[in-house]
């Protein structure tokens, strides 16, 4: 998995950070407002997916697009964190910089 330098948050970390119950954190994952993958058998979310104490607002639509394109959670996580040549940075960094339309256009072109 790319972005090994990223800070990863566990479900208990998210409960504390977001001020939500574990059930509500899992609902954020189910609703694709956040994406988690297993690292060393523990479900984790990159801190970059948060904006202060809430999910990054433009993340959900991008994650839904990737799922619709046939990406597994692991594939979507890898794509979000690795530098994309067309974007010149990682998709999550581009989203954080306000480049939502560009990120989604590149993601749509990747459809399987």
N, C-alpha and C. Protein backbone atom coordinates (compact mmCIF):
# COMPACT_ATOMS: atom_id res chain seq x y z
N UNK A 1 0.85 -1.18 0.00
CA UNK A 1 0.00 0.00 0.00
C UNK A 1 0.89 1.23 0.00
N UNK A 2 0.53 2.18 -0.77
CA UNK A 2 1.30 3.42 -0.88
C UNK A 2 1.09 4.29 0.35
N UNK A 3 1.82 5.36 0.39
CA UNK A 3 1.70 6.37 1.43
C UNK A 3 1.94 5.81 2.82
N UNK A 4 3.01 5.06 2.94
CA UNK A 4 3.35 4.49 4.24
C UNK A 4 3.61 5.57 5.28
N UNK A 5 3.93 6.78 4.83
CA UNK A 5 4.18 7.86 5.78
C UNK A 5 2.88 8.48 6.30
N UNK A 6 1.75 8.12 5.69
CA UNK A 6 0.46 8.66 6.13
C UNK A 6 0.15 8.15 7.53
N UNK A 7 -0.55 8.96 8.29
CA UNK A 7 -0.99 8.53 9.61
C UNK A 7 -2.30 7.78 9.43
N UNK A 8 -2.36 6.59 9.99
CA UNK A 8 -3.54 5.75 9.87
C UNK A 8 -4.29 5.75 11.19
N UNK A 9 -5.62 5.80 11.10
CA UNK A 9 -6.48 5.85 12.27
C UNK A 9 -7.32 4.58 12.37
N UNK A 10 -7.40 4.03 13.57
CA UNK A 10 -8.24 2.87 13.82
C UNK A 10 -9.67 3.33 14.08
N UNK A 11 -10.59 2.40 14.18
CA UNK A 11 -11.98 2.76 14.50
C UNK A 11 -12.03 3.48 15.86
N UNK A 12 -11.35 2.97 16.92
CA UNK A 12 -11.36 3.73 18.18
C UNK A 12 -10.78 5.14 18.04
N UNK A 13 -9.74 5.29 17.21
CA UNK A 13 -9.19 6.64 16.96
C UNK A 13 -10.26 7.53 16.35
N UNK A 14 -11.01 6.99 15.38
CA UNK A 14 -12.05 7.77 14.70
C UNK A 14 -13.19 8.12 15.65
N UNK A 15 -13.55 7.17 16.52
CA UNK A 15 -14.59 7.43 17.52
C UNK A 15 -14.20 8.64 18.36
N UNK A 16 -12.97 8.66 18.81
CA UNK A 16 -12.49 9.78 19.63
C UNK A 16 -12.40 11.07 18.82
N UNK A 17 -11.82 10.99 17.65
CA UNK A 17 -11.58 12.18 16.83
C UNK A 17 -12.88 12.82 16.34
N UNK A 18 -13.83 11.97 15.93
CA UNK A 18 -15.07 12.48 15.36
C UNK A 18 -16.17 12.69 16.40
N UNK A 19 -15.96 12.14 17.60
CA UNK A 19 -16.97 12.25 18.65
C UNK A 19 -18.23 11.47 18.34
N UNK A 20 -18.06 10.32 17.69
CA UNK A 20 -19.19 9.48 17.29
C UNK A 20 -19.08 8.11 17.96
N UNK A 21 -20.18 7.39 17.97
CA UNK A 21 -20.17 6.02 18.48
C UNK A 21 -19.50 5.12 17.44
N UNK A 22 -19.01 3.95 17.86
CA UNK A 22 -18.45 3.01 16.87
C UNK A 22 -19.44 2.67 15.76
N UNK A 23 -20.71 2.53 16.11
CA UNK A 23 -21.72 2.23 15.10
C UNK A 23 -21.84 3.33 14.06
N UNK A 24 -21.77 4.58 14.50
CA UNK A 24 -21.86 5.70 13.55
C UNK A 24 -20.61 5.79 12.68
N UNK A 25 -19.46 5.44 13.23
CA UNK A 25 -18.24 5.40 12.42
C UNK A 25 -18.37 4.32 11.35
N UNK A 26 -18.89 3.16 11.74
CA UNK A 26 -19.09 2.09 10.75
C UNK A 26 -20.11 2.51 9.69
N UNK A 27 -21.09 3.31 10.07
CA UNK A 27 -22.07 3.81 9.11
C UNK A 27 -21.39 4.73 8.09
N UNK A 28 -20.44 5.56 8.54
CA UNK A 28 -19.68 6.41 7.62
C UNK A 28 -18.95 5.56 6.58
N UNK A 29 -18.43 4.41 7.03
CA UNK A 29 -17.74 3.50 6.12
C UNK A 29 -18.74 2.86 5.15
N UNK A 30 -19.86 2.41 5.66
CA UNK A 30 -20.89 1.79 4.81
C UNK A 30 -21.42 2.78 3.78
N UNK A 31 -21.56 4.04 4.18
CA UNK A 31 -22.09 5.07 3.28
C UNK A 31 -21.03 5.64 2.35
N UNK A 32 -19.82 5.13 2.43
CA UNK A 32 -18.68 5.56 1.61
C UNK A 32 -18.30 7.01 1.85
N UNK A 33 -18.57 7.51 3.06
CA UNK A 33 -18.07 8.83 3.41
C UNK A 33 -16.61 8.73 3.83
N UNK A 34 -16.21 7.52 4.22
CA UNK A 34 -14.82 7.19 4.52
C UNK A 34 -14.52 5.83 3.92
N UNK A 35 -13.26 5.54 3.72
CA UNK A 35 -12.82 4.25 3.21
C UNK A 35 -11.78 3.70 4.16
N UNK A 36 -11.96 2.44 4.52
CA UNK A 36 -11.00 1.78 5.41
C UNK A 36 -10.51 0.50 4.75
N UNK A 37 -9.29 0.14 5.07
CA UNK A 37 -8.72 -1.14 4.65
C UNK A 37 -8.07 -1.78 5.87
N UNK A 38 -7.86 -3.08 5.78
CA UNK A 38 -7.20 -3.79 6.88
C UNK A 38 -5.70 -3.68 6.72
N UNK A 39 -5.05 -3.25 7.80
CA UNK A 39 -3.59 -3.18 7.89
C UNK A 39 -3.22 -3.97 9.13
N UNK A 40 -2.45 -5.03 8.95
CA UNK A 40 -2.12 -5.91 10.08
C UNK A 40 -3.39 -6.36 10.79
N UNK A 41 -4.40 -6.71 10.03
CA UNK A 41 -5.68 -7.24 10.50
C UNK A 41 -6.55 -6.21 11.23
N UNK A 42 -6.16 -4.94 11.21
CA UNK A 42 -6.93 -3.89 11.88
C UNK A 42 -7.50 -2.95 10.82
N UNK A 43 -8.78 -2.66 10.91
CA UNK A 43 -9.44 -1.75 9.99
C UNK A 43 -8.93 -0.33 10.25
N UNK A 44 -8.42 0.32 9.19
CA UNK A 44 -7.81 1.64 9.36
C UNK A 44 -8.18 2.59 8.22
N UNK A 45 -8.17 3.88 8.56
CA UNK A 45 -8.50 4.96 7.63
C UNK A 45 -7.34 5.94 7.64
N UNK A 46 -6.88 6.40 6.47
CA UNK A 46 -5.83 7.43 6.46
C UNK A 46 -6.36 8.74 7.03
N UNK A 47 -5.56 9.39 7.84
CA UNK A 47 -5.95 10.67 8.43
C UNK A 47 -6.25 11.70 7.34
N UNK A 48 -5.60 11.58 6.19
CA UNK A 48 -5.83 12.51 5.08
C UNK A 48 -7.27 12.53 4.60
N UNK A 49 -8.05 11.50 4.94
CA UNK A 49 -9.44 11.43 4.52
C UNK A 49 -10.35 12.29 5.40
N UNK A 50 -9.77 12.92 6.43
CA UNK A 50 -10.54 13.77 7.33
C UNK A 50 -10.20 15.23 7.10
N UNK A 51 -11.19 16.06 7.33
CA UNK A 51 -11.01 17.51 7.33
C UNK A 51 -11.37 17.94 8.75
N UNK A 52 -10.34 18.18 9.55
CA UNK A 52 -10.53 18.46 10.99
C UNK A 52 -11.22 17.26 11.62
N UNK A 53 -12.49 17.44 12.04
CA UNK A 53 -13.18 16.37 12.76
C UNK A 53 -14.39 15.83 12.00
N UNK A 54 -14.24 15.74 10.68
CA UNK A 54 -15.29 15.14 9.85
C UNK A 54 -14.67 14.61 8.57
N UNK A 55 -15.39 13.70 7.89
CA UNK A 55 -14.87 13.20 6.62
C UNK A 55 -14.71 14.34 5.62
N UNK A 56 -13.68 14.27 4.80
CA UNK A 56 -13.47 15.25 3.73
C UNK A 56 -14.72 15.27 2.85
N UNK A 57 -15.30 16.43 2.63
CA UNK A 57 -16.62 16.50 1.99
C UNK A 57 -16.64 15.95 0.56
N UNK A 58 -15.56 16.09 -0.19
CA UNK A 58 -15.56 15.63 -1.58
C UNK A 58 -15.15 14.17 -1.74
N UNK A 59 -14.87 13.50 -0.64
CA UNK A 59 -14.39 12.13 -0.69
C UNK A 59 -15.49 11.15 -1.10
N UNK A 60 -16.68 11.30 -0.55
CA UNK A 60 -17.76 10.33 -0.77
C UNK A 60 -18.06 10.12 -2.25
N UNK A 61 -18.25 11.19 -2.99
CA UNK A 61 -18.58 11.05 -4.41
C UNK A 61 -17.49 10.35 -5.19
N UNK A 62 -16.26 10.64 -4.84
CA UNK A 62 -15.12 9.99 -5.51
C UNK A 62 -15.08 8.51 -5.17
N UNK A 63 -15.29 8.17 -3.90
CA UNK A 63 -15.29 6.76 -3.50
C UNK A 63 -16.43 6.00 -4.15
N UNK A 64 -17.58 6.64 -4.27
CA UNK A 64 -18.72 5.98 -4.92
C UNK A 64 -18.42 5.75 -6.41
N UNK A 65 -17.80 6.72 -7.05
CA UNK A 65 -17.43 6.59 -8.46
C UNK A 65 -16.46 5.43 -8.65
N UNK A 66 -15.46 5.34 -7.77
CA UNK A 66 -14.49 4.23 -7.88
C UNK A 66 -15.18 2.88 -7.68
N UNK A 67 -16.09 2.79 -6.73
CA UNK A 67 -16.83 1.54 -6.50
C UNK A 67 -17.66 1.19 -7.73
N UNK A 68 -18.33 2.20 -8.30
CA UNK A 68 -19.12 1.98 -9.52
C UNK A 68 -18.24 1.54 -10.68
N UNK A 69 -16.98 2.01 -10.69
CA UNK A 69 -16.03 1.64 -11.74
C UNK A 69 -15.47 0.23 -11.55
N UNK A 70 -15.82 -0.42 -10.43
CA UNK A 70 -15.37 -1.79 -10.20
C UNK A 70 -14.15 -1.92 -9.31
N UNK A 71 -13.72 -0.83 -8.69
CA UNK A 71 -12.57 -0.89 -7.79
C UNK A 71 -12.94 -1.57 -6.48
N UNK A 72 -12.08 -2.46 -6.01
CA UNK A 72 -12.24 -3.00 -4.66
C UNK A 72 -11.81 -1.90 -3.68
N UNK A 73 -12.09 -2.10 -2.41
CA UNK A 73 -11.66 -1.12 -1.41
C UNK A 73 -10.14 -0.97 -1.41
N UNK A 74 -9.43 -2.08 -1.52
CA UNK A 74 -7.96 -2.01 -1.55
C UNK A 74 -7.46 -1.25 -2.78
N UNK A 75 -8.07 -1.52 -3.94
CA UNK A 75 -7.68 -0.83 -5.17
C UNK A 75 -7.99 0.66 -5.08
N UNK A 76 -9.16 0.98 -4.53
CA UNK A 76 -9.55 2.39 -4.39
C UNK A 76 -8.59 3.10 -3.44
N UNK A 77 -8.23 2.44 -2.34
CA UNK A 77 -7.31 3.06 -1.38
C UNK A 77 -5.96 3.31 -2.03
N UNK A 78 -5.47 2.32 -2.75
CA UNK A 78 -4.18 2.46 -3.43
C UNK A 78 -4.22 3.64 -4.40
N UNK A 79 -5.28 3.72 -5.20
CA UNK A 79 -5.38 4.80 -6.18
C UNK A 79 -5.47 6.16 -5.49
N UNK A 80 -6.23 6.24 -4.42
CA UNK A 80 -6.40 7.51 -3.72
C UNK A 80 -5.08 8.03 -3.13
N UNK A 81 -4.18 7.12 -2.73
CA UNK A 81 -2.97 7.52 -2.02
C UNK A 81 -1.72 7.61 -2.89
N UNK A 82 -1.71 6.93 -4.03
CA UNK A 82 -0.53 6.96 -4.89
C UNK A 82 -0.57 8.17 -5.83
N UNK A 83 0.59 8.65 -6.20
CA UNK A 83 0.65 9.77 -7.16
C UNK A 83 0.12 9.29 -8.50
N UNK A 84 -0.79 10.05 -9.06
CA UNK A 84 -1.35 9.76 -10.38
C UNK A 84 -0.68 10.71 -11.37
N UNK A 85 -0.16 10.14 -12.46
CA UNK A 85 0.56 10.94 -13.45
C UNK A 85 -0.29 12.07 -14.04
N UNK A 86 -1.56 11.80 -14.29
CA UNK A 86 -2.43 12.82 -14.88
C UNK A 86 -2.71 13.97 -13.91
N UNK A 87 -2.73 13.67 -12.63
CA UNK A 87 -2.99 14.70 -11.62
C UNK A 87 -1.71 15.37 -11.13
N UNK A 88 -0.60 14.67 -11.26
CA UNK A 88 0.67 15.20 -10.78
C UNK A 88 0.82 15.12 -9.28
N UNK A 89 -0.10 14.48 -8.62
CA UNK A 89 -0.09 14.28 -7.17
C UNK A 89 -1.04 13.12 -6.87
N UNK A 90 -1.21 12.81 -5.60
CA UNK A 90 -2.17 11.76 -5.27
C UNK A 90 -3.59 12.32 -5.38
N UNK A 91 -4.55 11.47 -5.73
CA UNK A 91 -5.93 11.95 -5.81
C UNK A 91 -6.43 12.58 -4.50
N UNK A 92 -6.03 12.03 -3.34
CA UNK A 92 -6.50 12.61 -2.08
C UNK A 92 -5.90 14.01 -1.91
N UNK A 93 -4.65 14.19 -2.30
CA UNK A 93 -4.04 15.53 -2.21
C UNK A 93 -4.74 16.50 -3.15
N UNK A 94 -5.10 16.01 -4.34
CA UNK A 94 -5.81 16.86 -5.30
C UNK A 94 -7.20 17.22 -4.77
N UNK A 95 -7.90 16.27 -4.15
CA UNK A 95 -9.21 16.57 -3.56
C UNK A 95 -9.06 17.62 -2.46
N UNK A 96 -8.06 17.45 -1.63
CA UNK A 96 -7.83 18.40 -0.53
C UNK A 96 -7.49 19.79 -1.06
N UNK A 97 -6.96 19.86 -2.29
CA UNK A 97 -6.61 21.14 -2.92
C UNK A 97 -7.79 21.73 -3.70
N UNK A 98 -8.96 21.08 -3.63
CA UNK A 98 -10.14 21.61 -4.30
C UNK A 98 -10.27 21.23 -5.76
N UNK A 99 -9.59 20.17 -6.18
CA UNK A 99 -9.61 19.75 -7.58
C UNK A 99 -10.56 18.57 -7.81
N UNK A 100 -11.75 18.63 -7.21
CA UNK A 100 -12.71 17.53 -7.25
C UNK A 100 -13.07 17.10 -8.67
N UNK A 101 -13.41 18.04 -9.53
CA UNK A 101 -13.84 17.70 -10.90
C UNK A 101 -12.72 16.97 -11.65
N UNK A 102 -11.51 17.44 -11.50
CA UNK A 102 -10.38 16.82 -12.18
C UNK A 102 -10.14 15.40 -11.67
N UNK A 103 -10.21 15.22 -10.35
CA UNK A 103 -10.02 13.89 -9.76
C UNK A 103 -11.08 12.93 -10.27
N UNK A 104 -12.31 13.38 -10.30
CA UNK A 104 -13.40 12.49 -10.73
C UNK A 104 -13.33 12.19 -12.22
N UNK A 105 -12.86 13.15 -12.99
CA UNK A 105 -12.70 12.91 -14.44
C UNK A 105 -11.65 11.82 -14.67
N UNK A 106 -10.54 11.88 -13.94
CA UNK A 106 -9.49 10.86 -14.06
C UNK A 106 -10.01 9.52 -13.55
N UNK A 107 -10.73 9.52 -12.45
CA UNK A 107 -11.27 8.28 -11.91
C UNK A 107 -12.25 7.63 -12.89
N UNK A 108 -13.08 8.44 -13.51
CA UNK A 108 -14.05 7.91 -14.47
C UNK A 108 -13.37 7.27 -15.67
N UNK A 109 -12.26 7.81 -16.07
CA UNK A 109 -11.52 7.26 -17.21
C UNK A 109 -10.89 5.91 -16.88
N UNK A 110 -10.81 5.56 -15.60
CA UNK A 110 -10.19 4.29 -15.17
C UNK A 110 -11.18 3.14 -15.12
N UNK A 111 -12.45 3.38 -15.44
CA UNK A 111 -13.48 2.35 -15.31
C UNK A 111 -13.05 1.05 -15.98
N UNK A 112 -13.29 -0.03 -15.29
CA UNK A 112 -12.91 -1.37 -15.80
C UNK A 112 -13.88 -1.83 -16.86
